[in-house]
Amino acid sequence: MVILVATFVRLGLAALLDPGLDEVYAMAVAKRWQLSWFDHPPMAFWWVKATREIAKPLFGDDVPVLVLRLPFVFAFTITSVVVSDLTCRRWGPRAGLWTVLALSLAPFFMVSAGSWLVPDGPLVMFLSLTAWLLDRILFSKLTPASEGRLWLAAGLTLGLAGLSKYHAVLFAVGAAVFILATHHRRRLMTPAPWLAVAITGLVVSPVFVWNLQHDWVGFLFQSSRGVGSGGPDWSGLARSALGQMAYLGPWTLVAALAATISMYRSKGSRAGPAAFLAALGLPSIFVFTAMPLWGGDALPHWQMPGWLFSLPILGHAIASLAARRHQSYRLARGIAAIAAAILGIAIMIVTVMRYTPPSSAFIARLGLDPFLEESFTWRGLADNLAQRGLLAPVTTPQDRPLVVAFSWVEASRLAEALGSRATVLVFGDDPRGFAFLADSAAWIGRDVLLIGRPGSFARGLKSARPHFTRIDRQAPVAVEIGNEILFEAEVAIGRNLVSPYPLPYPQP
């Protein structure tokens, strides 16, 4: 029942909420089939592209975001079922219920991994399936033939997780360390685990092929984010910790951490199912939380796949309290009710902002402009451009005008707003996946529309000016939020593109 209700809630959110920045980026760069992408392995982008192709006969080129979100919503339903079943198998239905409650009340899992067009949804589904399979292999009595088949299936699901996000590497490290450090290492004496490794490598090979073709640019980009360029960043460490609390829920994070520590302190449990789950999750939590200590980036959602595997441990701990009629069980029930209320209030606030947004003066007074400009759809832009004669109707894909932004953030929102009416590229030093969508050389000799937010637009024009005969500034175009003007986009026309903009990444 909890899983069913949570699925309907996520469907409602998928219908109500504007696509987030990472979502519109995925929608923009998943315009053609690729073996992999600049920022991430291909799975989430493949899902977006495949859903768009399947839905195109019904909706045309501009498929609604709700339709694109459906595979991600139902993927997380599968994740919930798998995690619940794993927990029930080891510790009973009450533990499974509390695990699903904790999972469904965590903002990150309910909203982002649970419905958005981001790699985390496919990742947690395939990781949970891999954990379910490995749990059966390690802790159930099986025939050799059945165990061998499960190993091969685990190799497949781990490979699919690797096609979703690079986090799968840390999951694999945790699983390998647990197996090697316990009596379960005897299972490695058979061919099946090594065949599973080979299957995993074969499944993730498209990522390596694409990176090989592009001088390993994807691997270099992601690895550079964790290298750091100085000493410890204590403020970054604090933001990482607080962000994890916000994404998981402070009560859930503290309780899951306490349950995991208690499990490790218990005698005889360090080679059991709880220790196995902890081993799967702790590498992601430790590595990404510690990155600010050497000056690296630390976005709080990076640790969330690790916390996923602490939730069955938490569910087991709460079920044990309930069996002993411990007073802490009543506290857990109260916290769950409070968490549900807070999540509901947050959803209501976001929905109200979407349909009855605050005034422009209120937005400016609170300094919300940058956040809202990146978080909400740029409504009115396409129609206002068309009314000014700056965006002509398109009859064939070859007729699409080129629209240029000066950052991948603005390009993502432009691509969402303009849809199939234009091709959007980035002229700048951080184009990310837009660098591999199209070659600006195809527009040599044609005029190009340049659009951006105030502030950085003049700097972008300066870098783009040598590639045009001249650049003509136009009057700003309003971007709306409700009946208010969110901001006025700067617009210019680059006359006669004379040379393609040099991209910072290698091309195949």
Foldseek 3Di string as FASTA:
>chain_A
DLLVVLLVVQLVCQVQFFAFLVQLLLLQLLPDDALQFQAFFCDLSVLLNVQQVVCCVPPNQQDDSSSSQVVQQVLLSLLLVLQLVLLCVVFRNQLSVQLSLLQSLQQCNSHPSNTHSALNVLLSSLLSLLLSLVQCLQPPDDDPVVNLVSLQVSLQSLLSNRSRGVCSVQLVVLLVVLCVVDPVVVVVVDCSNVVSVVSSCVSNVSVVVVCVQFVNSNVVVVVVQLQADAAADVVQLVCLVVQLCNRSPVVLVVLLVVLLVVQVVDPPRCNDSLVSLLSSQVSQVVSLSCSSRRHGHHDNVSSVSSVSSSSSSSSSVLVVCVVVVNPVNVVVVVVSVVSVVVVVVVSVVSSCCQAPNDALVVCVVVVVLVVCVQTHAQPPQQVQCVVVVNQDADDDLLPAAEEEEAECSVQSSVCSHCPSSHRYFHQYAHGGSSVPRDWCVSQAFAKYKYKDAPDCRVVSCVLCQVQAPGKAWDDWQFGDRHPHTSGTMTIIMGGGGHDTRDYPTGDD
